[in-house]
PDB file of all heavy atoms in Angstrom:
ATOM      1  N   ARG A   1       6.266  -1.995 -62.814  1.00  0.00           N
ATOM      2  CA  ARG A   1       6.184  -2.729 -64.050  1.00  0.00           C
ATOM      3  C   ARG A   1       7.392  -2.513 -64.975  1.00  0.00           C
ATOM      4  O   ARG A   1       7.618  -3.435 -65.853  1.00  0.00           O
ATOM      5  CB  ARG A   1       4.909  -2.411 -64.808  1.00  0.00           C
ATOM      6  CG  ARG A   1       3.621  -2.662 -63.886  1.00  0.00           C
ATOM      7  CD  ARG A   1       3.364  -4.131 -63.923  1.00  0.00           C
ATOM      8  NE  ARG A   1       2.290  -4.516 -63.107  1.00  0.00           N
ATOM      9  CZ  ARG A   1       0.998  -4.554 -63.414  1.00  0.00           C
ATOM     10  NH1 ARG A   1       0.689  -4.208 -64.696  1.00  0.00           N
ATOM     11  NH2 ARG A   1       0.046  -4.800 -62.646  1.00  0.00           N
ATOM     12  N   ASN A   2       8.115  -1.496 -64.902  1.00  0.00           N
ATOM     13  CA  ASN A   2       9.122  -1.238 -65.869  1.00  0.00           C
ATOM     14  C   ASN A   2      10.614  -1.285 -65.224  1.00  0.00           C
ATOM     15  O   ASN A   2      11.576  -1.526 -65.891  1.00  0.00           O
ATOM     16  CB  ASN A   2       9.035   0.073 -66.522  1.00  0.00           C
ATOM     17  CG  ASN A   2       7.815   0.316 -67.289  1.00  0.00           C
ATOM     18  OD1 ASN A   2       6.780   0.843 -66.919  1.00  0.00           O
ATOM     19  ND2 ASN A   2       7.813  -0.443 -68.512  1.00  0.00           N
ATOM     20  N   LEU A   3      10.664  -0.947 -63.943  1.00  0.00           N
ATOM     21  CA  LEU A   3      11.863  -0.999 -63.176  1.00  0.00           C
ATOM     22  C   LEU A   3      12.105  -2.056 -62.187  1.00  0.00           C
ATOM     23  O   LEU A   3      13.172  -2.375 -61.810  1.00  0.00           O
ATOM     24  CB  LEU A   3      12.171   0.326 -62.567  1.00  0.00           C
ATOM     25  CG  LEU A   3      12.066   1.671 -63.424  1.00  0.00           C
ATOM     26  CD1 LEU A   3      12.444   2.866 -62.599  1.00  0.00           C
ATOM     27  CD2 LEU A   3      13.015   1.514 -64.667  1.00  0.00           C
ATOM     28  N   GLY A   4      10.951  -2.515 -61.700  1.00  0.00           N
ATOM     29  CA  GLY A   4      11.043  -3.702 -60.694  1.00  0.00           C
ATOM     30  C   GLY A   4      11.583  -3.212 -59.384  1.00  0.00           C
ATOM     31  O   GLY A   4      12.278  -4.022 -58.721  1.00  0.00           O
ATOM     32  N   MET A   5      11.351  -1.941 -58.984  1.00  0.00           N
ATOM     33  CA  MET A   5      11.933  -1.466 -57.818  1.00  0.00           C
ATOM     34  C   MET A   5      10.992  -1.420 -56.639  1.00  0.00           C
ATOM     35  O   MET A   5      11.395  -0.809 -55.616  1.00  0.00           O
ATOM     36  CB  MET A   5      12.464   0.041 -58.099  1.00  0.00           C
ATOM     37  CG  MET A   5      13.664   0.030 -59.121  1.00  0.00           C
ATOM     38  SD  MET A   5      14.417   1.522 -59.194  1.00  0.00           S
ATOM     39  CE  MET A   5      15.252   1.600 -57.653  1.00  0.00           C
ATOM     40  N   LEU A   6       9.876  -2.001 -56.717  1.00  0.00           N
ATOM     41  CA  LEU A   6       8.995  -2.026 -55.612  1.00  0.00           C
ATOM     42  C   LEU A   6       8.832  -3.466 -55.137  1.00  0.00           C
ATOM     43  O   LEU A   6       8.530  -4.368 -55.914  1.00  0.00           O
ATOM     44  CB  LEU A   6       7.620  -1.543 -55.851  1.00  0.00           C
ATOM     45  CG  LEU A   6       7.603  -0.057 -56.503  1.00  0.00           C
ATOM     46  CD1 LEU A   6       6.156   0.308 -56.781  1.00  0.00           C
ATOM     47  CD2 LEU A   6       8.281   0.908 -55.593  1.00  0.00           C
ATOM     48  N   THR A   7       8.964  -3.700 -53.797  1.00  0.00           N
ATOM     49  CA  THR A   7       8.858  -4.967 -53.183  1.00  0.00           C
ATOM     50  C   THR A   7       7.479  -5.595 -53.422  1.00  0.00           C
ATOM     51  O   THR A   7       6.460  -4.870 -53.232  1.00  0.00           O
ATOM     52  CB  THR A   7       9.161  -4.981 -51.665  1.00  0.00           C
ATOM     53  OG1 THR A   7      10.354  -4.124 -51.453  1.00  0.00           O
ATOM     54  CG2 THR A   7       9.395  -6.221 -51.074  1.00  0.00           C
ATOM     55  N   LYS A   8       7.535  -6.850 -53.731  1.00  0.00           N
ATOM     56  CA  LYS A   8       6.203  -7.503 -53.975  1.00  0.00           C
ATOM     57  C   LYS A   8       5.824  -8.487 -52.909  1.00  0.00           C
ATOM     58  O   LYS A   8       6.724  -9.223 -52.553  1.00  0.00           O
ATOM     59  CB  LYS A   8       6.242  -8.335 -55.357  1.00  0.00           C
ATOM     60  CG  LYS A   8       6.336  -7.386 -56.579  1.00  0.00           C
ATOM     61  CD  LYS A   8       6.256  -8.151 -57.902  1.00  0.00           C
ATOM     62  CE  LYS A   8       4.936  -8.555 -58.292  1.00  0.00           C
ATOM     63  NZ  LYS A   8       4.798  -9.005 -59.590  1.00  0.00           N
ATOM     64  N   PHE A   9       4.692  -8.448 -52.326  1.00  0.00           N
ATOM     65  CA  PHE A   9       4.221  -9.281 -51.297  1.00  0.00           C
ATOM     66  C   PHE A   9       3.122 -10.258 -51.628  1.00  0.00           C
ATOM     67  O   PHE A   9       2.780 -11.216 -50.972  1.00  0.00           O
ATOM     68  CB  PHE A   9       3.775  -8.376 -50.095  1.00  0.00           C
ATOM     69  CG  PHE A   9       4.910  -7.589 -49.507  1.00  0.00           C
ATOM     70  CD1 PHE A   9       4.909  -6.237 -49.699  1.00  0.00           C
ATOM     71  CD2 PHE A   9       5.766  -8.171 -48.698  1.00  0.00           C
ATOM     72  CE1 PHE A   9       5.907  -5.439 -49.099  1.00  0.00           C
ATOM     73  CE2 PHE A   9       6.845  -7.419 -48.177  1.00  0.00           C
ATOM     74  CZ  PHE A   9       6.859  -6.009 -48.410  1.00  0.00           C
ATOM     75  N   GLY A  10       2.440  -9.999 -52.846  1.00  0.00           N
ATOM     76  CA  GLY A  10       1.381 -10.732 -53.214  1.00  0.00           C
ATOM     77  C   GLY A  10       1.051 -10.613 -54.686  1.00  0.00           C
ATOM     78  O   GLY A  10       1.835 -10.098 -55.405  1.00  0.00           O
ATOM     79  N   ASP A  11      -0.125 -10.973 -55.054  1.00  0.00           N
ATOM     80  CA  ASP A  11      -0.544 -11.016 -56.422  1.00  0.00           C
ATOM     81  C   ASP A  11      -0.880  -9.636 -56.998  1.00  0.00           C
ATOM     82  O   ASP A  11      -0.650  -9.289 -58.064  1.00  0.00           O
ATOM     83  CB  ASP A  11      -1.696 -11.976 -56.770  1.00  0.00           C
ATOM     84  CG  ASP A  11      -1.289 -13.426 -56.557  1.00  0.00           C
ATOM     85  OD1 ASP A  11      -0.047 -13.725 -56.648  1.00  0.00           O
ATOM     86  OD2 ASP A  11      -2.166 -14.242 -56.139  1.00  0.00           O
ATOM     87  N   HIS A  12      -1.615  -8.827 -56.128  1.00  0.00           N
ATOM     88  CA  HIS A  12      -2.066  -7.549 -56.704  1.00  0.00           C
ATOM     89  C   HIS A  12      -2.023  -6.445 -55.676  1.00  0.00           C
ATOM     90  O   HIS A  12      -2.230  -6.609 -54.472  1.00  0.00           O
ATOM     91  CB  HIS A  12      -3.588  -7.634 -57.092  1.00  0.00           C
ATOM     92  CG  HIS A  12      -4.004  -6.617 -58.067  1.00  0.00           C
ATOM     93  ND1 HIS A  12      -4.107  -5.252 -57.730  1.00  0.00           N
ATOM     94  CD2 HIS A  12      -4.438  -6.752 -59.353  1.00  0.00           C
ATOM     95  CE1 HIS A  12      -4.512  -4.566 -58.789  1.00  0.00           C
ATOM     96  NE2 HIS A  12      -4.632  -5.392 -59.768  1.00  0.00           N
ATOM     97  N   ILE A  13      -1.386  -5.326 -56.109  1.00  0.00           N
ATOM     98  CA  ILE A  13      -1.072  -4.247 -55.225  1.00  0.00           C
ATOM     99  C   ILE A  13      -2.243  -3.689 -54.494  1.00  0.00           C
ATOM    100  O   ILE A  13      -2.155  -3.077 -53.327  1.00  0.00           O
ATOM    101  CB  ILE A  13      -0.397  -3.070 -55.959  1.00  0.00           C
ATOM    102  CG1 ILE A  13      -1.309  -2.494 -57.023  1.00  0.00           C
ATOM    103  CG2 ILE A  13       0.849  -3.489 -56.605  1.00  0.00           C
ATOM    104  CD1 ILE A  13      -0.711  -1.245 -57.703  1.00  0.00           C
ATOM    105  N   LYS A  14      -3.526  -3.928 -55.061  1.00  0.00           N
ATOM    106  CA  LYS A  14      -4.782  -3.349 -54.376  1.00  0.00           C
ATOM    107  C   LYS A  14      -5.057  -4.172 -53.160  1.00  0.00           C
ATOM    108  O   LYS A  14      -5.722  -3.702 -52.280  1.00  0.00           O
ATOM    109  CB  LYS A  14      -5.914  -3.528 -55.350  1.00  0.00           C
ATOM    110  CG  LYS A  14      -5.869  -2.609 -56.523  1.00  0.00           C
ATOM    111  CD  LYS A  14      -7.108  -2.638 -57.438  1.00  0.00           C
ATOM    112  CE  LYS A  14      -7.123  -1.784 -58.666  1.00  0.00           C
ATOM    113  NZ  LYS A  14      -8.219  -1.882 -59.492  1.00  0.00           N
ATOM    114  N   ASN A  15      -4.427  -5.289 -52.990  1.00  0.00           N
ATOM    115  CA  ASN A  15      -4.655  -6.163 -51.777  1.00  0.00           C
ATOM    116  C   ASN A  15      -3.553  -5.962 -50.720  1.00  0.00           C
ATOM    117  O   ASN A  15      -3.635  -6.508 -49.560  1.00  0.00           O
ATOM    118  CB  ASN A  15      -4.654  -7.567 -52.173  1.00  0.00           C
ATOM    119  CG  ASN A  15      -5.706  -7.956 -53.116  1.00  0.00           C
ATOM    120  OD1 ASN A  15      -6.686  -7.364 -53.136  1.00  0.00           O
ATOM    121  ND2 ASN A  15      -5.341  -8.906 -54.037  1.00  0.00           N
ATOM    122  N   TYR A  16      -2.669  -4.943 -50.950  1.00  0.00           N
ATOM    123  CA  TYR A  16      -1.629  -4.750 -49.928  1.00  0.00           C
ATOM    124  C   TYR A  16      -2.085  -3.881 -48.725  1.00  0.00           C
ATOM    125  O   TYR A  16      -2.891  -2.972 -49.000  1.00  0.00           O
ATOM    126  CB  TYR A  16      -0.404  -4.029 -50.599  1.00  0.00           C
ATOM    127  CG  TYR A  16       0.408  -4.844 -51.510  1.00  0.00           C
ATOM    128  CD1 TYR A  16       1.342  -4.318 -52.352  1.00  0.00           C
ATOM    129  CD2 TYR A  16       0.175  -6.252 -51.706  1.00  0.00           C
ATOM    130  CE1 TYR A  16       2.117  -5.055 -53.140  1.00  0.00           C
ATOM    131  CE2 TYR A  16       0.886  -7.037 -52.566  1.00  0.00           C
ATOM    132  CZ  TYR A  16       1.850  -6.356 -53.356  1.00  0.00           C
ATOM    133  OH  TYR A  16       2.550  -7.214 -54.242  1.00  0.00           O
ATOM    134  N   SER A  17      -1.570  -4.203 -47.630  1.00  0.00           N
ATOM    135  CA  SER A  17      -2.031  -3.345 -46.374  1.00  0.00           C
ATOM    136  C   SER A  17      -1.186  -1.977 -46.507  1.00  0.00           C
ATOM    137  O   SER A  17      -0.139  -1.974 -47.195  1.00  0.00           O
ATOM    138  CB  SER A  17      -1.575  -4.139 -45.081  1.00  0.00           C
ATOM    139  OG  SER A  17      -0.270  -4.287 -45.034  1.00  0.00           O
ATOM    140  N   PRO A  18      -1.573  -0.998 -45.625  1.00  0.00           N
ATOM    141  CA  PRO A  18      -0.704   0.224 -45.577  1.00  0.00           C
ATOM    142  C   PRO A  18       0.689  -0.143 -45.266  1.00  0.00           C
ATOM    143  O   PRO A  18       1.610   0.523 -45.705  1.00  0.00           O
ATOM    144  CB  PRO A  18      -1.514   1.102 -44.556  1.00  0.00           C
ATOM    145  CG  PRO A  18      -2.901   0.558 -44.620  1.00  0.00           C
ATOM    146  CD  PRO A  18      -2.828  -0.871 -44.947  1.00  0.00           C
ATOM    147  N   LEU A  19       0.844  -1.046 -44.290  1.00  0.00           N
ATOM    148  CA  LEU A  19       2.313  -1.391 -43.853  1.00  0.00           C
ATOM    149  C   LEU A  19       3.075  -1.959 -45.036  1.00  0.00           C
ATOM    150  O   LEU A  19       4.254  -1.610 -45.344  1.00  0.00           O
ATOM    151  CB  LEU A  19       2.312  -2.316 -42.700  1.00  0.00           C
ATOM    152  CG  LEU A  19       3.573  -2.602 -42.057  1.00  0.00           C
ATOM    153  CD1 LEU A  19       4.189  -1.359 -41.529  1.00  0.00           C
ATOM    154  CD2 LEU A  19       3.448  -3.711 -40.959  1.00  0.00           C
ATOM    155  N   GLN A  20       2.382  -2.873 -45.764  1.00  0.00           N
ATOM    156  CA  GLN A  20       3.208  -3.472 -46.917  1.00  0.00           C
ATOM    157  C   GLN A  20       3.442  -2.418 -47.932  1.00  0.00           C
ATOM    158  O   GLN A  20       4.459  -2.426 -48.578  1.00  0.00           O
ATOM    159  CB  GLN A  20       2.279  -4.573 -47.483  1.00  0.00           C
ATOM    160  CG  GLN A  20       2.116  -5.866 -46.683  1.00  0.00           C
ATOM    161  CD  GLN A  20       1.174  -6.857 -47.267  1.00  0.00           C
ATOM    162  OE1 GLN A  20       0.199  -6.530 -47.787  1.00  0.00           O
ATOM    163  NE2 GLN A  20       1.652  -8.102 -47.225  1.00  0.00           N
ATOM    164  N   THR A  21       2.454  -1.573 -48.304  1.00  0.00           N
ATOM    165  CA  THR A  21       2.770  -0.461 -49.208  1.00  0.00           C
ATOM    166  C   THR A  21       3.893   0.413 -48.790  1.00  0.00           C
ATOM    167  O   THR A  21       4.617   0.765 -49.614  1.00  0.00           O
ATOM    168  CB  THR A  21       1.488   0.341 -49.341  1.00  0.00           C
ATOM    169  OG1 THR A  21       0.379  -0.403 -49.809  1.00  0.00           O
ATOM    170  CG2 THR A  21       1.567   1.453 -50.426  1.00  0.00           C
ATOM    171  N   PHE A  22       4.014   0.787 -47.467  1.00  0.00           N
ATOM    172  CA  PHE A  22       5.194   1.413 -47.034  1.00  0.00           C
ATOM    173  C   PHE A  22       6.474   0.747 -47.251  1.00  0.00           C
ATOM    174  O   PHE A  22       7.490   1.258 -47.756  1.00  0.00           O
ATOM    175  CB  PHE A  22       4.939   1.783 -45.552  1.00  0.00           C
ATOM    176  CG  PHE A  22       6.200   2.377 -44.811  1.00  0.00           C
ATOM    177  CD1 PHE A  22       6.354   3.803 -44.987  1.00  0.00           C
ATOM    178  CD2 PHE A  22       7.055   1.724 -44.154  1.00  0.00           C
ATOM    179  CE1 PHE A  22       7.506   4.383 -44.471  1.00  0.00           C
ATOM    180  CE2 PHE A  22       8.189   2.326 -43.580  1.00  0.00           C
ATOM    181  CZ  PHE A  22       8.404   3.634 -43.817  1.00  0.00           C
ATOM    182  N   PHE A  23       6.459  -0.591 -46.988  1.00  0.00           N
ATOM    183  CA  PHE A  23       7.686  -1.336 -47.163  1.00  0.00           C
ATOM    184  C   PHE A  23       8.005  -1.660 -48.559  1.00  0.00           C
ATOM    185  O   PHE A  23       9.072  -2.231 -48.888  1.00  0.00           O
ATOM    186  CB  PHE A  23       7.663  -2.591 -46.252  1.00  0.00           C
ATOM    187  CG  PHE A  23       8.029  -2.412 -44.856  1.00  0.00           C
ATOM    188  CD1 PHE A  23       7.030  -2.437 -43.873  1.00  0.00           C
ATOM    189  CD2 PHE A  23       9.340  -2.129 -44.473  1.00  0.00           C
ATOM    190  CE1 PHE A  23       7.397  -2.161 -42.526  1.00  0.00           C
ATOM    191  CE2 PHE A  23       9.639  -1.831 -43.196  1.00  0.00           C
ATOM    192  CZ  PHE A  23       8.733  -1.960 -42.039  1.00  0.00           C
ATOM    193  N   ARG A  24       7.106  -1.269 -49.485  1.00  0.00           N
ATOM    194  CA  ARG A  24       7.516  -1.395 -50.820  1.00  0.00           C
ATOM    195  C   ARG A  24       8.514  -0.273 -51.263  1.00  0.00           C
ATOM    196  O   ARG A  24       9.129  -0.396 -52.228  1.00  0.00           O
ATOM    197  CB  ARG A  24       6.312  -1.152 -51.768  1.00  0.00           C
ATOM    198  CG  ARG A  24       5.090  -2.204 -51.423  1.00  0.00           C
ATOM    199  CD  ARG A  24       4.164  -2.163 -52.644  1.00  0.00           C
ATOM    200  NE  ARG A  24       4.573  -2.992 -53.577  1.00  0.00           N
ATOM    201  CZ  ARG A  24       4.339  -2.895 -54.938  1.00  0.00           C
ATOM    202  NH1 ARG A  24       3.390  -1.987 -55.316  1.00  0.00           N
ATOM    203  NH2 ARG A  24       4.734  -3.698 -55.765  1.00  0.00           N
ATOM    204  N   MET A  25       8.609   0.675 -50.387  1.00  0.00           N
ATOM    205  CA  MET A  25       9.657   1.784 -50.597  1.00  0.00           C
ATOM    206  C   MET A  25       9.625   2.624 -51.881  1.00  0.00           C
ATOM    207  O   MET A  25      10.652   2.807 -52.499  1.00  0.00           O
ATOM    208  CB  MET A  25      11.050   1.198 -50.212  1.00  0.00           C
ATOM    209  CG  MET A  25      11.333   0.696 -48.898  1.00  0.00           C
ATOM    210  SD  MET A  25      12.947   0.229 -48.517  1.00  0.00           S
ATOM    211  CE  MET A  25      13.301  -1.185 -49.574  1.00  0.00           C
ATOM    212  N   PRO A  26       8.517   3.009 -52.262  1.00  0.00           N
ATOM    213  CA  PRO A  26       8.467   3.718 -53.523  1.00  0.00           C
ATOM    214  C   PRO A  26       8.948   5.147 -53.397  1.00  0.00           C
ATOM    215  O   PRO A  26       9.525   5.686 -54.343  1.00  0.00           O
ATOM    216  CB  PRO A  26       6.892   3.886 -53.864  1.00  0.00           C
ATOM    217  CG  PRO A  26       6.291   3.730 -52.551  1.00  0.00           C
ATOM    218  CD  PRO A  26       7.010   2.752 -51.758  1.00  0.00           C
ATOM    219  N   PHE A  27       9.012   5.563 -52.206  1.00  0.00           N
ATOM    220  CA  PHE A  27       9.536   6.962 -51.948  1.00  0.00           C
ATOM    221  C   PHE A  27      10.988   7.121 -52.245  1.00  0.00           C
ATOM    222  O   PHE A  27      11.455   8.201 -52.718  1.00  0.00           O
ATOM    223  CB  PHE A  27       9.216   7.458 -50.449  1.00  0.00           C
ATOM    224  CG  PHE A  27       9.660   6.422 -49.516  1.00  0.00           C
ATOM    225  CD1 PHE A  27      11.049   6.447 -48.996  1.00  0.00           C
ATOM    226  CD2 PHE A  27       8.831   5.402 -48.988  1.00  0.00           C
ATOM    227  CE1 PHE A  27      11.458   5.521 -48.060  1.00  0.00           C
ATOM    228  CE2 PHE A  27       9.336   4.504 -48.038  1.00  0.00           C
ATOM    229  CZ  PHE A  27      10.556   4.577 -47.585  1.00  0.00           C
ATOM    230  N   LEU A  28      11.776   6.074 -52.028  1.00  0.00           N
ATOM    231  CA  LEU A  28      13.247   6.229 -52.115  1.00  0.00           C
ATOM    232  C   LEU A  28      13.680   6.390 -53.626  1.00  0.00           C
ATOM    233  O   LEU A  28      14.388   7.301 -53.937  1.00  0.00           O
ATOM    234  CB  LEU A  28      13.971   4.971 -51.496  1.00  0.00           C
ATOM    235  CG  LEU A  28      15.478   4.948 -51.508  1.00  0.00           C
ATOM    236  CD1 LEU A  28      16.004   6.068 -50.776  1.00  0.00           C
ATOM    237  CD2 LEU A  28      16.044   3.767 -50.838  1.00  0.00           C
ATOM    238  N   PRO A  29      13.181   5.426 -54.531  1.00  0.00           N
ATOM    239  CA  PRO A  29      13.719   5.771 -55.870  1.00  0.00           C
ATOM    240  C   PRO A  29      12.983   7.040 -56.503  1.00  0.00           C
ATOM    241  O   PRO A  29      13.757   7.710 -57.289  1.00  0.00           O
ATOM    242  CB  PRO A  29      13.150   4.584 -56.673  1.00  0.00           C
ATOM    243  CG  PRO A  29      12.024   3.922 -55.809  1.00  0.00           C
ATOM    244  CD  PRO A  29      12.531   4.172 -54.363  1.00  0.00           C
ATOM    245  N   ILE A  30      11.911   7.370 -56.118  1.00  0.00           N
ATOM    246  CA  ILE A  30      11.331   8.716 -56.508  1.00  0.00           C
ATOM    247  C   ILE A  30      12.174   9.862 -56.030  1.00  0.00           C
ATOM    248  O   ILE A  30      12.429  10.705 -56.826  1.00  0.00           O
ATOM    249  CB  ILE A  30       9.951   8.868 -55.977  1.00  0.00           C
ATOM    250  CG1 ILE A  30       8.997   7.833 -56.627  1.00  0.00           C
ATOM    251  CG2 ILE A  30       9.402  10.358 -56.268  1.00  0.00           C
ATOM    252  CD1 ILE A  30       7.526   7.799 -56.053  1.00  0.00           C
ATOM    253  N   ILE A  31      12.587   9.847 -54.811  1.00  0.00           N
ATOM    254  CA  ILE A  31      13.537  10.903 -54.243  1.00  0.00           C
ATOM    255  C   ILE A  31      14.783  10.917 -54.922  1.00  0.00           C
ATOM    256  O   ILE A  31      15.358  11.974 -55.372  1.00  0.00           O
ATOM    257  CB  ILE A  31      13.649  10.796 -52.727  1.00  0.00           C
ATOM    258  CG1 ILE A  31      12.340  10.981 -51.982  1.00  0.00           C
ATOM    259  CG2 ILE A  31      14.762  11.712 -52.310  1.00  0.00           C
ATOM    260  CD1 ILE A  31      12.387  10.734 -50.539  1.00  0.00           C
TER     261      ILE A  31
END
C-alpha cells in the first residue's frame, strides 16, 4: 500500500493462491 512493490493479480490479497502469493515476491524487498 505504500511502496507498490508487490505484484497484483486481483482485487484482494485474501483471494490469492499460494503460488500467486509467492510470485508477489515480498521476500526480495524485505531481504
